[in-house]
Structure formats: structure tokens, C-alpha cells
């Protein structure tokens, strides 16, 4: 994926990323990524992919989030 090295990204399972009025909520960390955040990208395969730092002070913080098209 274009925002980070492949080892920082993974496909998420159902319920790991929740779409809420305040934005996308990463269930495991409680982090909220607003829908207008520049880290939110269109998913190339229609699945959620969460890219996060794996170590250090930023471990678990979102680098970018690939989201499927929103349903209306």
C-alpha cells in the first residue's frame, strides 16, 4: 500500500474498524480517524486495511486507513 511499508498494513476483520459519526474508530486502540483525515484512502480491493506503527512511541497509531466505498 502506498502510505507505508507492507509490514505495517493488514486487512482488518469485521468489527475491527467501526464507521461512526465522528469517523472511523479503530476498535483495538479506540483511536478515531476522522473521515476527512488525509490518512483515509480509498481501498483498492473494497476491504478495510489498517496501517499502523508497529514499535516505538507511536506503536498502534494509524499511519493510514484504506476504506471501502461508503454505502448510501
PDB file of N, CA and C in Angstrom:
ATOM      1  N   UNK A   1       0.834  -1.183   0.000  1.00  0.00           N
ATOM      2  CA  UNK A   1       0.000   0.000   0.000  1.00  0.00           C
ATOM      3  C   UNK A   1       0.876   1.241   0.000  1.00  0.00           C
ATOM      4  N   UNK A   2       0.357   2.294  -0.565  1.00  0.00           N
ATOM      5  CA  UNK A   2       1.175   3.459  -0.869  1.00  0.00           C
ATOM      6  C   UNK A   2       1.601   4.303   0.327  1.00  0.00           C
ATOM      7  N   UNK A   3       0.970   4.160   1.480  1.00  0.00           N
ATOM      8  CA  UNK A   3       1.304   5.065   2.586  1.00  0.00           C
ATOM      9  C   UNK A   3       2.413   4.539   3.485  1.00  0.00           C
ATOM     10  N   UNK A   4       2.731   3.271   3.394  1.00  0.00           N
ATOM     11  CA  UNK A   4       3.716   2.711   4.316  1.00  0.00           C
ATOM     12  C   UNK A   4       4.282   1.416   3.743  1.00  0.00           C
ATOM     13  N   UNK A   5       5.243   0.873   4.444  1.00  0.00           N
ATOM     14  CA  UNK A   5       5.800  -0.415   4.036  1.00  0.00           C
ATOM     15  C   UNK A   5       4.756  -1.509   4.256  1.00  0.00           C
ATOM     16  N   UNK A   6       4.797  -2.541   3.463  1.00  0.00           N
ATOM     17  CA  UNK A   6       3.791  -3.607   3.553  1.00  0.00           C
ATOM     18  C   UNK A   6       3.706  -4.249   4.930  1.00  0.00           C
ATOM     19  N   UNK A   7       4.788  -4.243   5.701  1.00  0.00           N
ATOM     20  CA  UNK A   7       4.733  -4.889   7.014  1.00  0.00           C
ATOM     21  C   UNK A   7       3.948  -4.080   8.041  1.00  0.00           C
ATOM     22  N   UNK A   8       3.595  -2.828   7.724  1.00  0.00           N
ATOM     23  CA  UNK A   8       2.798  -2.005   8.630  1.00  0.00           C
ATOM     24  C   UNK A   8       1.300  -2.118   8.367  1.00  0.00           C
ATOM     25  N   UNK A   9       0.901  -2.756   7.268  1.00  0.00           N
ATOM     26  CA  UNK A   9      -0.508  -2.812   6.873  1.00  0.00           C
ATOM     27  C   UNK A   9      -1.058  -4.222   6.979  1.00  0.00           C
ATOM     28  N   UNK A  10      -2.354  -4.270   7.310  1.00  0.00           N
ATOM     29  CA  UNK A  10      -3.020  -5.569   7.324  1.00  0.00           C
ATOM     30  C   UNK A  10      -4.499  -5.365   7.042  1.00  0.00           C
ATOM     31  N   UNK A  11      -5.104  -6.387   6.461  1.00  0.00           N
ATOM     32  CA  UNK A  11      -6.543  -6.387   6.250  1.00  0.00           C
ATOM     33  C   UNK A  11      -7.208  -6.565   7.601  1.00  0.00           C
ATOM     34  N   UNK A  12      -8.245  -5.789   7.864  1.00  0.00           N
ATOM     35  CA  UNK A  12      -8.939  -5.919   9.142  1.00  0.00           C
ATOM     36  C   UNK A  12     -10.111  -6.875   9.011  1.00  0.00           C
ATOM     37  N   UNK A  13     -10.515  -7.425  10.131  1.00  0.00           N
ATOM     38  CA  UNK A  13     -11.665  -8.322  10.182  1.00  0.00           C
ATOM     39  C   UNK A  13     -12.895  -7.539  10.605  1.00  0.00           C
ATOM     40  N   UNK A  14     -14.046  -8.107  10.418  1.00  0.00           N
ATOM     41  CA  UNK A  14     -15.308  -7.466  10.773  1.00  0.00           C
ATOM     42  C   UNK A  14     -15.280  -6.973  12.219  1.00  0.00           C
ATOM     43  N   UNK A  15     -15.642  -5.722  12.420  1.00  0.00           N
ATOM     44  CA  UNK A  15     -15.690  -5.150  13.757  1.00  0.00           C
ATOM     45  C   UNK A  15     -14.415  -4.493  14.229  1.00  0.00           C
ATOM     46  N   UNK A  16     -13.314  -4.638  13.496  1.00  0.00           N
ATOM     47  CA  UNK A  16     -12.062  -4.020  13.925  1.00  0.00           C
ATOM     48  C   UNK A  16     -12.007  -2.531  13.607  1.00  0.00           C
ATOM     49  N   UNK A  17     -12.698  -2.122  12.550  1.00  0.00           N
ATOM     50  CA  UNK A  17     -12.830  -0.708  12.207  1.00  0.00           C
ATOM     51  C   UNK A  17     -14.319  -0.423  12.133  1.00  0.00           C
ATOM     52  N   UNK A  18     -14.760   0.540  12.937  1.00  0.00           N
ATOM     53  CA  UNK A  18     -16.175   0.869  13.007  1.00  0.00           C
ATOM     54  C   UNK A  18     -16.409   2.244  12.399  1.00  0.00           C
ATOM     55  N   UNK A  19     -17.428   2.357  11.567  1.00  0.00           N
ATOM     56  CA  UNK A  19     -17.777   3.643  10.980  1.00  0.00           C
ATOM     57  C   UNK A  19     -18.801   4.318  11.891  1.00  0.00           C
ATOM     58  N   UNK A  20     -18.394   5.423  12.507  1.00  0.00           N
ATOM     59  CA  UNK A  20     -19.235   6.162  13.453  1.00  0.00           C
ATOM     60  C   UNK A  20     -19.386   7.602  12.956  1.00  0.00           C
ATOM     61  N   UNK A  21     -20.321   8.362  13.516  1.00  0.00           N
ATOM     62  CA  UNK A  21     -20.477   9.761  13.087  1.00  0.00           C
ATOM     63  C   UNK A  21     -19.196  10.588  13.235  1.00  0.00           C
ATOM     64  N   UNK A  22     -18.381  10.284  14.250  1.00  0.00           N
ATOM     65  CA  UNK A  22     -17.154  11.046  14.470  1.00  0.00           C
ATOM     66  C   UNK A  22     -15.992  10.601  13.583  1.00  0.00           C
ATOM     67  N   UNK A  23     -16.147   9.482  12.893  1.00  0.00           N
ATOM     68  CA  UNK A  23     -15.111   8.989  11.997  1.00  0.00           C
ATOM     69  C   UNK A  23     -14.962   7.484  12.102  1.00  0.00           C
ATOM     70  N   UNK A  24     -13.840   6.992  11.650  1.00  0.00           N
ATOM     71  CA  UNK A  24     -13.542   5.564  11.717  1.00  0.00           C
ATOM     72  C   UNK A  24     -12.866   5.287  13.059  1.00  0.00           C
ATOM     73  N   UNK A  25     -13.422   4.364  13.818  1.00  0.00           N
ATOM     74  CA  UNK A  25     -12.889   4.035  15.136  1.00  0.00           C
ATOM     75  C   UNK A  25     -12.141   2.711  15.036  1.00  0.00           C
ATOM     76  N   UNK A  26     -10.880   2.729  15.443  1.00  0.00           N
ATOM     77  CA  UNK A  26     -10.069   1.516  15.484  1.00  0.00           C
ATOM     78  C   UNK A  26     -10.413   0.831  16.806  1.00  0.00           C
ATOM     79  N   UNK A  27     -11.118  -0.285  16.736  1.00  0.00           N
ATOM     80  CA  UNK A  27     -11.661  -0.929  17.937  1.00  0.00           C
ATOM     81  C   UNK A  27     -10.577  -1.315  18.941  1.00  0.00           C
ATOM     82  N   UNK A  28      -9.451  -1.798  18.478  1.00  0.00           N
ATOM     83  CA  UNK A  28      -8.412  -2.276  19.387  1.00  0.00           C
ATOM     84  C   UNK A  28      -7.706  -1.190  20.170  1.00  0.00           C
ATOM     85  N   UNK A  29      -7.716   0.043  19.646  1.00  0.00           N
ATOM     86  CA  UNK A  29      -6.998   1.135  20.307  1.00  0.00           C
ATOM     87  C   UNK A  29      -7.912   2.271  20.746  1.00  0.00           C
ATOM     88  N   UNK A  30      -9.119   2.333  20.179  1.00  0.00           N
ATOM     89  CA  UNK A  30     -10.028   3.436  20.470  1.00  0.00           C
ATOM     90  C   UNK A  30      -9.721   4.697  19.688  1.00  0.00           C
ATOM     91  N   UNK A  31      -8.685   4.648  18.861  1.00  0.00           N
ATOM     92  CA  UNK A  31      -8.326   5.818  18.061  1.00  0.00           C
ATOM     93  C   UNK A  31      -9.450   6.143  17.084  1.00  0.00           C
ATOM     94  N   UNK A  32      -9.731   7.435  16.930  1.00  0.00           N
ATOM     95  CA  UNK A  32     -10.726   7.901  15.966  1.00  0.00           C
ATOM     96  C   UNK A  32      -9.988   8.600  14.831  1.00  0.00           C
ATOM     97  N   UNK A  33     -10.234   8.141  13.606  1.00  0.00           N
ATOM     98  CA  UNK A  33      -9.663   8.762  12.420  1.00  0.00           C
ATOM     99  C   UNK A  33     -10.825   9.435  11.690  1.00  0.00           C
ATOM    100  N   UNK A  34     -10.894  10.784  11.721  1.00  0.00           N
ATOM    101  CA  UNK A  34     -11.997  11.466  11.052  1.00  0.00           C
ATOM    102  C   UNK A  34     -12.070  11.103   9.569  1.00  0.00           C
ATOM    103  N   UNK A  35     -13.288  11.056   9.041  1.00  0.00           N
ATOM    104  CA  UNK A  35     -13.475  10.672   7.638  1.00  0.00           C
ATOM    105  C   UNK A  35     -12.774  11.623   6.677  1.00  0.00           C
ATOM    106  N   UNK A  36     -12.560  12.866   7.099  1.00  0.00           N
ATOM    107  CA  UNK A  36     -11.896  13.856   6.246  1.00  0.00           C
ATOM    108  C   UNK A  36     -10.384  13.890   6.442  1.00  0.00           C
ATOM    109  N   UNK A  37      -9.859  13.033   7.304  1.00  0.00           N
ATOM    110  CA  UNK A  37      -8.423  12.986   7.597  1.00  0.00           C
ATOM    111  C   UNK A  37      -7.654  12.567   6.352  1.00  0.00           C
ATOM    112  N   UNK A  38      -6.498  13.185   6.140  1.00  0.00           N
ATOM    113  CA  UNK A  38      -5.683  12.855   4.962  1.00  0.00           C
ATOM    114  C   UNK A  38      -5.138  11.433   5.011  1.00  0.00           C
ATOM    115  N   UNK A  39      -5.184  10.777   6.159  1.00  0.00           N
ATOM    116  CA  UNK A  39      -4.727   9.390   6.268  1.00  0.00           C
ATOM    117  C   UNK A  39      -5.746   8.395   5.725  1.00  0.00           C
ATOM    118  N   UNK A  40      -6.983   8.833   5.501  1.00  0.00           N
ATOM    119  CA  UNK A  40      -8.031   7.961   4.962  1.00  0.00           C
ATOM    120  C   UNK A  40      -7.874   7.902   3.445  1.00  0.00           C
ATOM    121  N   UNK A  41      -7.752   6.697   2.928  1.00  0.00           N
ATOM    122  CA  UNK A  41      -7.535   6.461   1.491  1.00  0.00           C
ATOM    123  C   UNK A  41      -8.602   5.509   0.959  1.00  0.00           C
ATOM    124  N   UNK A  42      -8.825   5.562  -0.346  1.00  0.00           N
ATOM    125  CA  UNK A  42      -9.736   4.608  -0.985  1.00  0.00           C
ATOM    126  C   UNK A  42      -9.076   3.237  -1.053  1.00  0.00           C
ATOM    127  N   UNK A  43      -9.814   2.219  -0.660  1.00  0.00           N
ATOM    128  CA  UNK A  43      -9.298   0.854  -0.703  1.00  0.00           C
ATOM    129  C   UNK A  43      -9.290   0.338  -2.139  1.00  0.00           C
ATOM    130  N   UNK A  44      -8.168  -0.242  -2.576  1.00  0.00           N
ATOM    131  CA  UNK A  44      -8.111  -0.771  -3.940  1.00  0.00           C
ATOM    132  C   UNK A  44      -8.893  -2.068  -4.123  1.00  0.00           C
ATOM    133  N   UNK A  45      -9.235  -2.747  -3.021  1.00  0.00           N
ATOM    134  CA  UNK A  45      -9.930  -4.035  -3.152  1.00  0.00           C
ATOM    135  C   UNK A  45     -11.273  -4.085  -2.423  1.00  0.00           C
ATOM    136  N   UNK A  46     -11.752  -2.930  -1.940  1.00  0.00           N
ATOM    137  CA  UNK A  46     -13.047  -2.894  -1.278  1.00  0.00           C
ATOM    138  C   UNK A  46     -13.049  -3.389   0.152  1.00  0.00           C
ATOM    139  N   UNK A  47     -11.885  -3.586   0.741  1.00  0.00           N
ATOM    140  CA  UNK A  47     -11.757  -4.060   2.126  1.00  0.00           C
ATOM    141  C   UNK A  47     -11.074  -2.979   2.964  1.00  0.00           C
ATOM    142  N   UNK A  48     -11.297  -3.027   4.278  1.00  0.00           N
ATOM    143  CA  UNK A  48     -10.551  -2.154   5.182  1.00  0.00           C
ATOM    144  C   UNK A  48      -9.134  -2.692   5.328  1.00  0.00           C
ATOM    145  N   UNK A  49      -8.163  -1.799   5.296  1.00  0.00           N
ATOM    146  CA  UNK A  49      -6.765  -2.125   5.579  1.00  0.00           C
ATOM    147  C   UNK A  49      -6.261  -1.058   6.536  1.00  0.00           C
ATOM    148  N   UNK A  50      -5.744  -1.492   7.674  1.00  0.00           N
ATOM    149  CA  UNK A  50      -5.236  -0.572   8.681  1.00  0.00           C
ATOM    150  C   UNK A  50      -3.724  -0.656   8.689  1.00  0.00           C
ATOM    151  N   UNK A  51      -3.089   0.484   8.530  1.00  0.00           N
ATOM    152  CA  UNK A  51      -1.636   0.566   8.551  1.00  0.00           C
ATOM    153  C   UNK A  51      -1.245   1.355   9.795  1.00  0.00           C
ATOM    154  N   UNK A  52      -0.478   0.728  10.671  1.00  0.00           N
ATOM    155  CA  UNK A  52      -0.132   1.354  11.948  1.00  0.00           C
ATOM    156  C   UNK A  52       1.325   1.090  12.291  1.00  0.00           C
ATOM    157  N   UNK A  53       1.880   2.004  13.083  1.00  0.00           N
ATOM    158  CA  UNK A  53       3.243   1.824  13.577  1.00  0.00           C
ATOM    159  C   UNK A  53       3.287   0.563  14.433  1.00  0.00           C
ATOM    160  N   UNK A  54       4.346  -0.214  14.282  1.00  0.00           N
ATOM    161  CA  UNK A  54       4.461  -1.487  14.986  1.00  0.00           C
ATOM    162  C   UNK A  54       5.323  -1.425  16.243  1.00  0.00           C
ATOM    163  N   UNK A  55       6.110  -0.360  16.391  1.00  0.00           N
ATOM    164  CA  UNK A  55       7.018  -0.277  17.542  1.00  0.00           C
ATOM    165  C   UNK A  55       7.270   1.181  17.899  1.00  0.00           C
ATOM    166  N   UNK A  56       7.893   1.379  19.025  1.00  0.00           N
ATOM    167  CA  UNK A  56       8.265   2.724  19.450  1.00  0.00           C
ATOM    168  C   UNK A  56       7.121   3.474  20.107  1.00  0.00           C
ATOM    169  N   UNK A  57       7.319   4.762  20.299  1.00  0.00           N
ATOM    170  CA  UNK A  57       6.328   5.594  20.978  1.00  0.00           C
ATOM    171  C   UNK A  57       5.003   5.677  20.230  1.00  0.00           C
ATOM    172  N   UNK A  58       5.044   5.510  18.917  1.00  0.00           N
ATOM    173  CA  UNK A  58       3.829   5.585  18.102  1.00  0.00           C
ATOM    174  C   UNK A  58       3.196   4.224  17.844  1.00  0.00           C
ATOM    175  N   UNK A  59       3.647   3.176  18.503  1.00  0.00           N
ATOM    176  CA  UNK A  59       3.109   1.828  18.274  1.00  0.00           C
ATOM    177  C   UNK A  59       1.592   1.834  18.420  1.00  0.00           C
ATOM    178  N   UNK A  60       0.926   1.278  17.423  1.00  0.00           N
ATOM    179  CA  UNK A  60      -0.525   1.186  17.428  1.00  0.00           C
ATOM    180  C   UNK A  60      -1.240   2.399  16.879  1.00  0.00           C
ATOM    181  N   UNK A  61      -0.499   3.447  16.552  1.00  0.00           N
ATOM    182  CA  UNK A  61      -1.124   4.642  15.979  1.00  0.00           C
ATOM    183  C   UNK A  61      -1.217   4.503  14.465  1.00  0.00           C
ATOM    184  N   UNK A  62      -2.306   4.998  13.921  1.00  0.00           N
ATOM    185  CA  UNK A  62      -2.595   4.855  12.498  1.00  0.00           C
ATOM    186  C   UNK A  62      -1.649   5.674  11.638  1.00  0.00           C
ATOM    187  N   UNK A  63      -1.083   5.014  10.618  1.00  0.00           N
ATOM    188  CA  UNK A  63      -0.328   5.692   9.571  1.00  0.00           C
ATOM    189  C   UNK A  63      -1.310   6.085   8.476  1.00  0.00           C
ATOM    190  N   UNK A  64      -2.133   5.129   8.066  1.00  0.00           N
ATOM    191  CA  UNK A  64      -3.199   5.384   7.104  1.00  0.00           C
ATOM    192  C   UNK A  64      -4.239   4.282   7.226  1.00  0.00           C
ATOM    193  N   UNK A  65      -5.408   4.566   6.669  1.00  0.00           N
ATOM    194  CA  UNK A  65      -6.515   3.629   6.735  1.00  0.00           C
ATOM    195  C   UNK A  65      -7.167   3.578   5.365  1.00  0.00           C
ATOM    196  N   UNK A  66      -7.159   2.408   4.757  1.00  0.00           N
ATOM    197  CA  UNK A  66      -7.817   2.216   3.461  1.00  0.00           C
ATOM    198  C   UNK A  66      -9.236   1.746   3.725  1.00  0.00           C
ATOM    199  N   UNK A  67     -10.199   2.458   3.155  1.00  0.00           N
ATOM    200  CA  UNK A  67     -11.607   2.159   3.422  1.00  0.00           C
ATOM    201  C   UNK A  67     -12.342   1.829   2.128  1.00  0.00           C
ATOM    202  N   UNK A  68     -13.315   0.912   2.212  1.00  0.00           N
ATOM    203  CA  UNK A  68     -14.128   0.594   1.038  1.00  0.00           C
ATOM    204  C   UNK A  68     -15.080   1.747   0.745  1.00  0.00           C
ATOM    205  N   UNK A  69     -15.672   1.746  -0.442  1.00  0.00           N
ATOM    206  CA  UNK A  69     -16.650   2.798  -0.754  1.00  0.00           C
ATOM    207  C   UNK A  69     -17.790   2.772   0.261  1.00  0.00           C
ATOM    208  N   UNK A  70     -18.247   3.944   0.645  1.00  0.00           N
ATOM    209  CA  UNK A  70     -19.355   4.035   1.601  1.00  0.00           C
ATOM    210  C   UNK A  70     -20.651   3.687   0.902  1.00  0.00           C
ATOM    211  N   UNK A  71     -21.515   2.987   1.611  1.00  0.00           N
ATOM    212  CA  UNK A  71     -22.827   2.649   1.058  1.00  0.00           C
ATOM    213  C   UNK A  71     -23.817   3.732   1.462  1.00  0.00           C
ATOM    214  N   UNK A  72     -24.716   4.036   0.559  1.00  0.00           N
ATOM    215  CA  UNK A  72     -25.702   5.091   0.821  1.00  0.00           C
ATOM    216  C   UNK A  72     -27.090   4.522   0.818  1.00  0.00           C
TER     217      UNK A  72
END
